[in-house]
Amino acid sequence: MHRTAALTTLLGLAASLAPLPSCLGGSCEGIPLAAVDYDDDASWLCLPDREDICSAERHIYEALPSGAVVERFEGPAEDPPIDCFYVYPTVDLRPRLGVQEDLTALDRPRKAAATQFAAFSAACRPFAPVYRQVSIGTYLYGERRSDPCFEVAYSDVLAAFERYLERDNDGRGFALVGHSQGGQHVSRLIHERIEG
């Protein structure tokens, strides 16, 4: 009797959890294809020659071999020889399937760029686009459901990169920088757009 009750309870629990992934999120199918306008400077976290998180002076603490710590200040380079194009990591922490649709909520992308990328401005001109990245929950879904979301995110990164090449590159050397999801998009960009 106890075994039957326990088995019934376990089966009921399993049945109640089975639909959980579908209730956590929507779908990336049907996301409006109106891409981000990269002609608008507001669609960039960092651009050269403007005040933003990449142009701020930074405190640098350097540990010397003697054990002493020296504080210095560092800002953007005057005339850097190359450009850097940065794609930030996953900062949309919603547990559902989808992409970040509110591109005015920039606290987390700015924090990521400030901690991971701003220092690059001491060596290169910084370019960091905002993009409709996939939420962390999207990684929990199979490719059939998550691939459309990744396509939306990558299409933004590609559009930003193409706009950078058209408007700002002028034949300059550049480095592509990405972390986590940003690294995935940078790898694909290298494979399809540069090596391809």
N, C-alpha and C. Protein backbone atom coordinates (compact mmCIF):
# COMPACT_ATOMS: atom_id res chain seq x y z
N MET A 1 0.81 -1.19 0.00
CA MET A 1 0.00 0.00 0.00
C MET A 1 0.86 1.26 0.00
N HIS A 2 1.91 1.27 0.86
CA HIS A 2 2.78 2.44 0.93
C HIS A 2 3.54 2.64 -0.39
N ARG A 3 3.95 1.49 -1.01
CA ARG A 3 4.66 1.59 -2.28
C ARG A 3 3.77 2.19 -3.35
N THR A 4 2.52 1.76 -3.39
CA THR A 4 1.58 2.27 -4.38
C THR A 4 1.35 3.76 -4.18
N ALA A 5 1.19 4.18 -2.93
CA ALA A 5 0.99 5.60 -2.64
C ALA A 5 2.22 6.42 -3.01
N ALA A 6 3.41 5.88 -2.69
CA ALA A 6 4.65 6.59 -3.01
C ALA A 6 4.83 6.69 -4.52
N LEU A 7 4.55 5.59 -5.24
CA LEU A 7 4.68 5.60 -6.70
C LEU A 7 3.69 6.58 -7.32
N THR A 8 2.47 6.59 -6.82
CA THR A 8 1.46 7.52 -7.32
C THR A 8 1.89 8.96 -7.07
N THR A 9 2.45 9.22 -5.89
CA THR A 9 2.93 10.57 -5.57
C THR A 9 4.06 10.98 -6.50
N LEU A 10 5.03 10.07 -6.73
CA LEU A 10 6.16 10.38 -7.62
C LEU A 10 5.69 10.62 -9.05
N LEU A 11 4.76 9.79 -9.53
CA LEU A 11 4.26 9.98 -10.89
C LEU A 11 3.50 11.30 -11.01
N GLY A 12 2.74 11.63 -9.98
CA GLY A 12 2.02 12.91 -9.99
C GLY A 12 2.97 14.09 -9.98
N LEU A 13 4.04 13.99 -9.19
CA LEU A 13 5.04 15.05 -9.13
C LEU A 13 5.74 15.19 -10.48
N ALA A 14 6.13 14.07 -11.08
CA ALA A 14 6.80 14.11 -12.38
C ALA A 14 5.88 14.72 -13.43
N ALA A 15 4.62 14.34 -13.41
CA ALA A 15 3.67 14.89 -14.38
C ALA A 15 3.48 16.39 -14.20
N SER A 16 3.50 16.83 -12.95
CA SER A 16 3.31 18.27 -12.72
C SER A 16 4.53 19.08 -13.12
N LEU A 17 5.72 18.47 -13.08
CA LEU A 17 6.94 19.19 -13.47
C LEU A 17 7.20 19.15 -14.96
N ALA A 18 6.63 18.19 -15.66
CA ALA A 18 6.90 18.04 -17.09
C ALA A 18 6.64 19.30 -17.90
N PRO A 19 5.55 20.04 -17.66
CA PRO A 19 5.32 21.23 -18.48
C PRO A 19 6.10 22.45 -18.01
N LEU A 20 6.95 22.33 -16.99
CA LEU A 20 7.63 23.49 -16.42
C LEU A 20 8.40 24.31 -17.46
N PRO A 21 9.25 23.72 -18.32
CA PRO A 21 9.97 24.56 -19.27
C PRO A 21 9.06 25.40 -20.15
N SER A 22 7.92 24.86 -20.56
CA SER A 22 7.06 25.64 -21.44
C SER A 22 6.39 26.80 -20.73
N CYS A 23 6.25 26.72 -19.41
CA CYS A 23 5.60 27.83 -18.72
C CYS A 23 6.61 28.91 -18.34
N LEU A 24 7.90 28.64 -18.49
CA LEU A 24 8.91 29.63 -18.13
C LEU A 24 9.10 30.69 -19.20
N GLY A 25 8.67 30.44 -20.39
CA GLY A 25 8.95 31.46 -21.39
C GLY A 25 8.13 31.32 -22.63
N GLY A 26 8.34 32.27 -23.51
CA GLY A 26 7.61 32.31 -24.75
C GLY A 26 8.39 31.68 -25.87
N SER A 27 8.50 32.43 -26.93
CA SER A 27 9.15 31.92 -28.13
C SER A 27 9.85 33.06 -28.83
N CYS A 28 10.86 32.72 -29.58
CA CYS A 28 11.53 33.75 -30.38
C CYS A 28 10.97 33.78 -31.79
N GLU A 29 10.10 32.83 -32.10
CA GLU A 29 9.41 32.87 -33.38
C GLU A 29 8.54 34.12 -33.37
N GLY A 30 8.52 34.84 -34.45
CA GLY A 30 7.66 36.00 -34.54
C GLY A 30 8.19 37.24 -33.86
N ILE A 31 9.44 37.22 -33.40
CA ILE A 31 10.05 38.44 -32.84
C ILE A 31 10.09 39.45 -33.98
N PRO A 32 9.67 40.67 -33.77
CA PRO A 32 9.72 41.65 -34.85
C PRO A 32 11.14 41.77 -35.41
N LEU A 33 11.24 41.79 -36.71
CA LEU A 33 12.55 41.85 -37.34
C LEU A 33 13.09 43.26 -37.45
N ALA A 34 12.41 44.23 -36.85
CA ALA A 34 12.93 45.60 -36.84
C ALA A 34 14.20 45.60 -36.02
N ALA A 35 15.31 45.60 -36.71
CA ALA A 35 16.60 45.49 -36.05
C ALA A 35 16.95 46.79 -35.33
N VAL A 36 17.96 46.70 -34.52
CA VAL A 36 18.48 47.87 -33.81
C VAL A 36 19.08 48.83 -34.83
N ASP A 37 18.86 50.12 -34.64
CA ASP A 37 19.39 51.14 -35.55
C ASP A 37 20.79 51.53 -35.11
N TYR A 38 21.80 50.97 -35.74
CA TYR A 38 23.18 51.25 -35.35
C TYR A 38 23.71 52.56 -35.92
N ASP A 39 22.89 53.28 -36.69
CA ASP A 39 23.24 54.65 -37.06
C ASP A 39 23.01 55.59 -35.89
N ASP A 40 22.19 55.15 -34.94
CA ASP A 40 21.88 55.93 -33.74
C ASP A 40 22.95 55.64 -32.69
N ASP A 41 23.68 56.66 -32.28
CA ASP A 41 24.75 56.47 -31.30
C ASP A 41 24.24 55.92 -29.97
N ALA A 42 22.96 56.06 -29.69
CA ALA A 42 22.39 55.51 -28.45
C ALA A 42 22.36 53.98 -28.48
N SER A 43 22.58 53.38 -29.64
CA SER A 43 22.61 51.93 -29.77
C SER A 43 23.99 51.35 -29.50
N TRP A 44 24.87 52.18 -28.98
CA TRP A 44 26.24 51.75 -28.67
C TRP A 44 26.56 52.08 -27.22
N LEU A 45 27.13 51.11 -26.51
CA LEU A 45 27.60 51.37 -25.14
C LEU A 45 28.86 52.21 -25.17
N CYS A 46 29.73 51.93 -26.13
CA CYS A 46 31.00 52.64 -26.25
C CYS A 46 31.24 53.01 -27.71
N LEU A 47 31.66 54.23 -27.89
CA LEU A 47 32.12 54.74 -29.18
C LEU A 47 33.31 55.66 -28.90
N PRO A 48 34.23 55.76 -29.84
CA PRO A 48 35.36 56.67 -29.61
C PRO A 48 34.90 58.13 -29.64
N ASP A 49 35.67 58.96 -28.99
CA ASP A 49 35.46 60.42 -29.03
C ASP A 49 34.11 60.86 -28.49
N ARG A 50 33.60 60.17 -27.50
CA ARG A 50 32.40 60.64 -26.79
C ARG A 50 32.54 60.23 -25.33
N GLU A 51 31.77 60.87 -24.48
CA GLU A 51 31.80 60.51 -23.06
C GLU A 51 30.87 59.33 -22.83
N ASP A 52 31.45 58.23 -22.39
CA ASP A 52 30.69 57.03 -22.02
C ASP A 52 31.55 56.21 -21.07
N ILE A 53 31.14 55.00 -20.77
CA ILE A 53 31.89 54.20 -19.80
C ILE A 53 33.29 53.84 -20.26
N CYS A 54 33.54 53.87 -21.55
CA CYS A 54 34.88 53.54 -22.05
C CYS A 54 35.81 54.75 -22.08
N SER A 55 35.26 55.93 -21.92
CA SER A 55 36.11 57.13 -21.95
C SER A 55 36.47 57.62 -20.56
N ALA A 56 35.88 57.04 -19.54
CA ALA A 56 36.15 57.48 -18.17
C ALA A 56 37.58 57.12 -17.75
N GLU A 57 38.18 57.99 -16.97
CA GLU A 57 39.50 57.70 -16.42
C GLU A 57 39.37 56.59 -15.38
N ARG A 58 40.30 55.66 -15.41
CA ARG A 58 40.25 54.52 -14.50
C ARG A 58 41.41 54.55 -13.52
N HIS A 59 41.15 54.12 -12.30
CA HIS A 59 42.20 53.93 -11.29
C HIS A 59 42.81 52.56 -11.53
N ILE A 60 44.11 52.53 -11.68
CA ILE A 60 44.82 51.26 -11.87
C ILE A 60 45.72 51.05 -10.66
N TYR A 61 45.65 49.89 -10.08
CA TYR A 61 46.54 49.54 -8.97
C TYR A 61 47.49 48.47 -9.47
N GLU A 62 48.77 48.78 -9.45
CA GLU A 62 49.78 47.86 -9.97
C GLU A 62 50.61 47.33 -8.82
N ALA A 63 50.69 46.01 -8.70
CA ALA A 63 51.52 45.38 -7.68
C ALA A 63 52.92 45.19 -8.26
N LEU A 64 53.89 45.81 -7.64
CA LEU A 64 55.28 45.73 -8.08
C LEU A 64 55.95 44.50 -7.49
N PRO A 65 57.05 44.02 -8.13
CA PRO A 65 57.77 42.86 -7.59
C PRO A 65 58.22 43.05 -6.14
N SER A 66 58.45 44.29 -5.75
CA SER A 66 58.87 44.56 -4.36
C SER A 66 57.74 44.37 -3.36
N GLY A 67 56.53 44.23 -3.85
CA GLY A 67 55.37 44.10 -2.97
C GLY A 67 54.61 45.40 -2.81
N ALA A 68 55.20 46.49 -3.25
CA ALA A 68 54.53 47.79 -3.17
C ALA A 68 53.39 47.84 -4.18
N VAL A 69 52.37 48.60 -3.86
CA VAL A 69 51.25 48.81 -4.76
C VAL A 69 51.24 50.27 -5.17
N VAL A 70 51.22 50.50 -6.47
CA VAL A 70 51.25 51.85 -7.01
C VAL A 70 49.90 52.15 -7.66
N GLU A 71 49.35 53.31 -7.33
CA GLU A 71 48.09 53.73 -7.95
C GLU A 71 48.42 54.68 -9.10
N ARG A 72 47.78 54.45 -10.23
CA ARG A 72 47.92 55.38 -11.35
C ARG A 72 46.57 55.54 -12.02
N PHE A 73 46.48 56.50 -12.89
CA PHE A 73 45.23 56.78 -13.59
C PHE A 73 45.45 56.56 -15.07
N GLU A 74 44.45 56.02 -15.72
CA GLU A 74 44.58 55.71 -17.13
C GLU A 74 43.27 56.08 -17.83
N GLY A 75 43.38 56.71 -18.98
CA GLY A 75 42.22 57.07 -19.78
C GLY A 75 42.40 56.54 -21.19
N PRO A 76 41.52 56.93 -22.09
CA PRO A 76 41.62 56.47 -23.47
C PRO A 76 42.91 56.95 -24.14
N ALA A 77 43.43 56.15 -25.05
CA ALA A 77 44.62 56.52 -25.80
C ALA A 77 44.31 57.70 -26.70
N GLU A 78 45.30 58.53 -26.93
CA GLU A 78 45.13 59.72 -27.78
C GLU A 78 44.89 59.34 -29.24
N ASP A 79 45.73 58.47 -29.78
CA ASP A 79 45.62 58.08 -31.19
C ASP A 79 45.96 56.60 -31.32
N PRO A 80 45.07 55.73 -30.86
CA PRO A 80 45.40 54.30 -30.87
C PRO A 80 45.49 53.76 -32.30
N PRO A 81 46.36 52.77 -32.50
CA PRO A 81 46.60 52.25 -33.85
C PRO A 81 45.50 51.33 -34.38
N ILE A 82 44.69 50.76 -33.49
CA ILE A 82 43.66 49.81 -33.93
C ILE A 82 42.33 50.12 -33.24
N ASP A 83 41.29 49.40 -33.66
CA ASP A 83 39.97 49.47 -33.05
C ASP A 83 39.68 48.16 -32.32
N CYS A 84 38.79 48.20 -31.35
CA CYS A 84 38.31 47.00 -30.67
C CYS A 84 36.79 46.99 -30.72
N PHE A 85 36.23 45.86 -31.13
CA PHE A 85 34.78 45.67 -31.24
C PHE A 85 34.40 44.62 -30.20
N TYR A 86 33.57 45.01 -29.24
CA TYR A 86 33.26 44.17 -28.08
C TYR A 86 31.79 43.75 -28.06
N VAL A 87 31.57 42.47 -27.77
CA VAL A 87 30.22 41.94 -27.60
C VAL A 87 30.13 41.38 -26.18
N TYR A 88 29.28 41.99 -25.37
CA TYR A 88 29.21 41.67 -23.95
C TYR A 88 28.55 40.31 -23.69
N PRO A 89 28.78 39.77 -22.49
CA PRO A 89 28.26 38.44 -22.14
C PRO A 89 26.78 38.47 -21.81
N THR A 90 26.25 37.31 -21.47
CA THR A 90 24.84 37.21 -21.09
C THR A 90 24.60 37.98 -19.80
N VAL A 91 23.78 39.00 -19.90
CA VAL A 91 23.40 39.79 -18.73
C VAL A 91 21.88 39.75 -18.51
N ASP A 92 21.15 39.16 -19.45
CA ASP A 92 19.70 38.98 -19.31
C ASP A 92 19.49 37.68 -18.53
N LEU A 93 19.22 37.79 -17.25
CA LEU A 93 19.17 36.64 -16.36
C LEU A 93 17.77 36.05 -16.18
N ARG A 94 16.85 36.41 -17.05
CA ARG A 94 15.50 35.84 -16.95
C ARG A 94 15.55 34.35 -17.27
N PRO A 95 14.81 33.53 -16.52
CA PRO A 95 14.87 32.08 -16.73
C PRO A 95 13.95 31.59 -17.84
N ARG A 96 13.59 32.43 -18.76
CA ARG A 96 12.65 32.03 -19.81
C ARG A 96 13.33 32.08 -21.17
N LEU A 97 12.71 31.45 -22.13
CA LEU A 97 13.16 31.49 -23.51
C LEU A 97 12.89 32.87 -24.08
N GLY A 98 13.87 33.48 -24.70
CA GLY A 98 13.62 34.77 -25.32
C GLY A 98 14.87 35.61 -25.49
N VAL A 99 14.65 36.80 -26.02
CA VAL A 99 15.74 37.76 -26.19
C VAL A 99 15.39 39.03 -25.42
N GLN A 100 16.42 39.79 -25.12
CA GLN A 100 16.22 41.07 -24.43
C GLN A 100 15.57 42.03 -25.41
N GLU A 101 14.38 42.46 -25.09
CA GLU A 101 13.65 43.35 -25.99
C GLU A 101 13.74 44.81 -25.56
N ASP A 102 13.93 45.05 -24.27
CA ASP A 102 14.04 46.42 -23.77
C ASP A 102 15.50 46.85 -23.79
N LEU A 103 15.89 47.51 -24.86
CA LEU A 103 17.29 47.91 -25.00
C LEU A 103 17.58 49.25 -24.33
N THR A 104 16.63 49.72 -23.52
CA THR A 104 16.91 50.90 -22.71
C THR A 104 17.34 50.50 -21.30
N ALA A 105 17.19 49.23 -20.95
CA ALA A 105 17.64 48.72 -19.65
C ALA A 105 19.11 48.34 -19.78
N LEU A 106 19.98 49.31 -19.58
CA LEU A 106 21.39 49.12 -19.91
C LEU A 106 22.32 49.02 -18.71
N ASP A 107 21.79 48.94 -17.50
CA ASP A 107 22.68 48.87 -16.33
C ASP A 107 23.63 47.68 -16.40
N ARG A 108 23.10 46.49 -16.67
CA ARG A 108 23.95 45.29 -16.71
C ARG A 108 24.91 45.30 -17.91
N PRO A 109 24.46 45.63 -19.12
CA PRO A 109 25.43 45.73 -20.21
C PRO A 109 26.53 46.76 -19.94
N ARG A 110 26.17 47.89 -19.36
CA ARG A 110 27.18 48.91 -19.04
C ARG A 110 28.18 48.39 -18.01
N LYS A 111 27.65 47.70 -17.00
CA LYS A 111 28.55 47.16 -15.97
C LYS A 111 29.51 46.14 -16.58
N ALA A 112 29.01 45.29 -17.47
CA ALA A 112 29.87 44.31 -18.13
C ALA A 112 30.94 45.01 -18.96
N ALA A 113 30.54 46.01 -19.73
CA ALA A 113 31.51 46.74 -20.55
C ALA A 113 32.52 47.49 -19.69
N ALA A 114 32.06 48.05 -18.58
CA ALA A 114 32.97 48.79 -17.70
C ALA A 114 34.02 47.87 -17.09
N THR A 115 33.62 46.68 -16.68
CA THR A 115 34.57 45.78 -16.02
C THR A 115 35.40 44.96 -17.00
N GLN A 116 34.86 44.64 -18.17
CA GLN A 116 35.57 43.77 -19.09
C GLN A 116 36.24 44.49 -20.25
N PHE A 117 35.71 45.63 -20.65
CA PHE A 117 36.14 46.20 -21.92
C PHE A 117 36.71 47.61 -21.84
N ALA A 118 36.29 48.41 -20.90
CA ALA A 118 36.69 49.82 -20.86
C ALA A 118 38.20 49.99 -20.88
N ALA A 119 38.93 49.11 -20.22
CA ALA A 119 40.39 49.23 -20.17
C ALA A 119 41.03 49.11 -21.56
N PHE A 120 40.34 48.46 -22.48
CA PHE A 120 40.87 48.33 -23.84
C PHE A 120 41.03 49.69 -24.51
N SER A 121 40.28 50.69 -24.06
CA SER A 121 40.37 52.01 -24.69
C SER A 121 41.74 52.65 -24.51
N ALA A 122 42.57 52.11 -23.63
CA ALA A 122 43.94 52.60 -23.49
C ALA A 122 44.81 52.14 -24.66
N ALA A 123 44.32 51.17 -25.45
CA ALA A 123 45.10 50.63 -26.56
C ALA A 123 44.39 50.68 -27.90
N CYS A 124 43.08 50.90 -27.90
CA CYS A 124 42.33 50.88 -29.16
C CYS A 124 41.09 51.76 -29.05
N ARG A 125 40.53 52.10 -30.21
CA ARG A 125 39.26 52.84 -30.21
C ARG A 125 38.15 51.84 -29.89
N PRO A 126 37.30 52.15 -28.89
CA PRO A 126 36.30 51.17 -28.45
C PRO A 126 34.95 51.27 -29.18
N PHE A 127 34.44 50.12 -29.58
CA PHE A 127 33.12 50.00 -30.19
C PHE A 127 32.39 48.86 -29.49
N ALA A 128 31.26 49.16 -28.85
CA ALA A 128 30.50 48.14 -28.13
C ALA A 128 29.01 48.35 -28.37
N PRO A 129 28.42 47.56 -29.26
CA PRO A 129 26.99 47.74 -29.56
C PRO A 129 26.09 47.12 -28.50
N VAL A 130 24.90 47.68 -28.37
CA VAL A 130 23.81 47.06 -27.62
C VAL A 130 23.18 46.04 -28.57
N TYR A 131 22.74 44.90 -28.06
CA TYR A 131 22.08 43.93 -28.95
C TYR A 131 21.01 43.15 -28.19
N ARG A 132 20.10 42.57 -28.97
CA ARG A 132 19.00 41.78 -28.39
C ARG A 132 19.52 40.38 -28.07
N GLN A 133 20.24 40.28 -26.98
CA GLN A 133 20.85 39.01 -26.62
C GLN A 133 19.82 38.03 -26.07
N VAL A 134 20.18 36.74 -26.11
CA VAL A 134 19.27 35.74 -25.56
C VAL A 134 19.36 35.76 -24.04
N SER A 135 18.25 35.41 -23.40
CA SER A 135 18.22 35.32 -21.94
C SER A 135 18.96 34.06 -21.50
N ILE A 136 19.38 34.04 -20.25
CA ILE A 136 20.08 32.86 -19.72
C ILE A 136 19.19 31.62 -19.80
N GLY A 137 17.88 31.79 -19.65
CA GLY A 137 16.96 30.66 -19.72
C GLY A 137 16.92 30.00 -21.09
N THR A 138 17.28 30.74 -22.13
CA THR A 138 17.26 30.19 -23.49
C THR A 138 18.22 29.02 -23.63
N TYR A 139 19.30 29.02 -22.84
CA TYR A 139 20.27 27.94 -22.92
C TYR A 139 19.70 26.61 -22.43
N LEU A 140 18.57 26.63 -21.75
CA LEU A 140 17.96 25.40 -21.23
C LEU A 140 17.10 24.68 -22.26
N TYR A 141 16.86 25.31 -23.38
CA TYR A 141 15.97 24.75 -24.40
C TYR A 141 16.78 24.09 -25.50
N GLY A 142 16.16 23.15 -26.20
CA GLY A 142 16.81 22.50 -27.32
C GLY A 142 16.99 23.47 -28.48
N GLU A 143 17.82 23.06 -29.42
CA GLU A 143 18.15 23.93 -30.56
C GLU A 143 16.92 24.35 -31.35
N ARG A 144 15.95 23.46 -31.49
CA ARG A 144 14.77 23.79 -32.29
C ARG A 144 14.08 25.04 -31.76
N ARG A 145 14.01 25.18 -30.45
CA ARG A 145 13.34 26.35 -29.86
C ARG A 145 14.30 27.51 -29.64
N SER A 146 15.57 27.23 -29.34
CA SER A 146 16.49 28.32 -29.01
C SER A 146 17.17 28.93 -30.22
N ASP A 147 17.34 28.17 -31.31
CA ASP A 147 18.05 28.70 -32.48
C ASP A 147 17.47 30.01 -33.01
N PRO A 148 16.13 30.16 -33.11
CA PRO A 148 15.61 31.45 -33.59
C PRO A 148 16.03 32.62 -32.69
N CYS A 149 16.15 32.37 -31.40
CA CYS A 149 16.58 33.43 -30.47
C CYS A 149 18.04 33.81 -30.75
N PHE A 150 18.88 32.80 -30.91
CA PHE A 150 20.29 33.07 -31.20
C PHE A 150 20.45 33.79 -32.54
N GLU A 151 19.58 33.48 -33.50
CA GLU A 151 19.63 34.17 -34.79
C GLU A 151 19.32 35.65 -34.64
N VAL A 152 18.33 35.98 -33.79
CA VAL A 152 18.00 37.39 -33.54
C VAL A 152 19.22 38.10 -32.95
N ALA A 153 19.82 37.50 -31.93
CA ALA A 153 20.98 38.11 -31.27
C ALA A 153 22.13 38.28 -32.25
N TYR A 154 22.44 37.22 -32.99
CA TYR A 154 23.57 37.30 -33.93
C TYR A 154 23.30 38.31 -35.04
N SER A 155 22.06 38.40 -35.50
CA SER A 155 21.76 39.36 -36.57
C SER A 155 22.06 40.78 -36.12
N ASP A 156 21.82 41.08 -34.84
CA ASP A 156 22.17 42.41 -34.32
C ASP A 156 23.68 42.62 -34.29
N VAL A 157 24.41 41.62 -33.80
CA VAL A 157 25.87 41.73 -33.74
C VAL A 157 26.44 41.92 -35.14
N LEU A 158 25.95 41.14 -36.10
CA LEU A 158 26.41 41.26 -37.48
C LEU A 158 26.09 42.64 -38.04
N ALA A 159 24.88 43.13 -37.81
CA ALA A 159 24.49 44.45 -38.31
C ALA A 159 25.37 45.55 -37.70
N ALA A 160 25.66 45.44 -36.41
CA ALA A 160 26.52 46.43 -35.76
C ALA A 160 27.93 46.38 -36.34
N PHE A 161 28.44 45.18 -36.56
CA PHE A 161 29.79 45.03 -37.12
C PHE A 161 29.85 45.60 -38.54
N GLU A 162 28.84 45.29 -39.35
CA GLU A 162 28.80 45.83 -40.72
C GLU A 162 28.75 47.35 -40.69
N ARG A 163 27.97 47.90 -39.78
CA ARG A 163 27.88 49.37 -39.67
C ARG A 163 29.21 49.96 -39.22
N TYR A 164 29.87 49.29 -38.30
CA TYR A 164 31.21 49.73 -37.87
C TYR A 164 32.16 49.75 -39.07
N LEU A 165 32.15 48.68 -39.86
CA LEU A 165 33.05 48.63 -41.02
C LEU A 165 32.75 49.75 -42.00
N GLU A 166 31.47 49.99 -42.27
CA GLU A 166 31.08 51.04 -43.22
C GLU A 166 31.40 52.44 -42.74
N ARG A 167 31.06 52.73 -41.51
CA ARG A 167 31.10 54.10 -41.01
C ARG A 167 32.41 54.47 -40.33
N ASP A 168 33.04 53.53 -39.65
CA ASP A 168 34.12 53.90 -38.75
C ASP A 168 35.48 53.26 -39.03
N ASN A 169 35.53 52.15 -39.71
CA ASN A 169 36.78 51.41 -39.80
C ASN A 169 37.83 52.08 -40.67
N ASP A 170 37.47 52.48 -41.87
CA ASP A 170 38.40 53.19 -42.77
C ASP A 170 39.72 52.44 -42.97
N GLY A 171 39.65 51.11 -43.04
CA GLY A 171 40.84 50.30 -43.32
C GLY A 171 41.73 50.04 -42.11
N ARG A 172 41.29 50.41 -40.93
CA ARG A 172 42.11 50.22 -39.73
C ARG A 172 42.09 48.76 -39.29
N GLY A 173 43.15 48.34 -38.62
CA GLY A 173 43.16 47.03 -37.99
C GLY A 173 42.18 47.01 -36.84
N PHE A 174 41.69 45.83 -36.49
CA PHE A 174 40.74 45.75 -35.38
C PHE A 174 40.88 44.41 -34.67
N ALA A 175 40.46 44.42 -33.42
CA ALA A 175 40.40 43.20 -32.61
C ALA A 175 38.94 42.98 -32.23
N LEU A 176 38.51 41.73 -32.28
CA LEU A 176 37.16 41.37 -31.85
C LEU A 176 37.26 40.79 -30.44
N VAL A 177 36.43 41.29 -29.55
CA VAL A 177 36.48 40.92 -28.14
C VAL A 177 35.09 40.48 -27.71
N GLY A 178 34.99 39.33 -27.07
CA GLY A 178 33.71 38.87 -26.57
C GLY A 178 33.90 37.93 -25.41
N HIS A 179 32.86 37.80 -24.61
CA HIS A 179 32.90 36.90 -23.46
C HIS A 179 31.55 36.20 -23.37
N SER A 180 31.59 34.90 -23.05
CA SER A 180 30.37 34.13 -22.86
C SER A 180 29.52 34.19 -24.14
N GLN A 181 28.28 34.60 -24.05
CA GLN A 181 27.45 34.71 -25.24
C GLN A 181 28.09 35.62 -26.28
N GLY A 182 28.70 36.70 -25.82
CA GLY A 182 29.40 37.59 -26.74
C GLY A 182 30.50 36.87 -27.49
N GLY A 183 31.21 35.97 -26.80
CA GLY A 183 32.25 35.18 -27.45
C GLY A 183 31.69 34.24 -28.51
N GLN A 184 30.50 33.68 -28.25
CA GLN A 184 29.84 32.83 -29.25
C GLN A 184 29.58 33.63 -30.53
N HIS A 185 29.05 34.84 -30.36
CA HIS A 185 28.73 35.65 -31.53
C HIS A 185 30.00 36.10 -32.25
N VAL A 186 31.04 36.43 -31.50
CA VAL A 186 32.31 36.82 -32.11
C VAL A 186 32.90 35.65 -32.89
N SER A 187 32.86 34.44 -32.33
CA SER A 187 33.37 33.26 -33.03
C SER A 187 32.63 33.04 -34.34
N ARG A 188 31.32 33.17 -34.30
CA ARG A 188 30.52 32.99 -35.52
C ARG A 188 30.83 34.09 -36.53
N LEU A 189 30.99 35.32 -36.04
CA LEU A 189 31.34 36.44 -36.91
C LEU A 189 32.67 36.19 -37.62
N ILE A 190 33.64 35.70 -36.88
CA ILE A 190 34.95 35.39 -37.48
C ILE A 190 34.78 34.30 -38.53
N HIS A 191 34.07 33.24 -38.18
CA HIS A 191 33.91 32.10 -39.09
C HIS A 191 33.15 32.48 -40.36
N GLU A 192 32.04 33.20 -40.21
CA GLU A 192 31.18 33.47 -41.36
C GLU A 192 31.53 34.74 -42.12
N ARG A 193 31.95 35.77 -41.42
CA ARG A 193 32.14 37.07 -42.07
C ARG A 193 33.59 37.34 -42.44
N ILE A 194 34.54 36.84 -41.65
CA ILE A 194 35.94 37.15 -41.89
C ILE A 194 36.65 36.00 -42.60
N GLU A 195 36.52 34.79 -42.07
CA GLU A 195 37.18 33.64 -42.70
C GLU A 195 36.39 33.10 -43.87
N GLY A 196 35.04 33.22 -43.78
CA GLY A 196 34.11 32.61 -44.71
C GLY A 196 34.25 33.02 -46.11
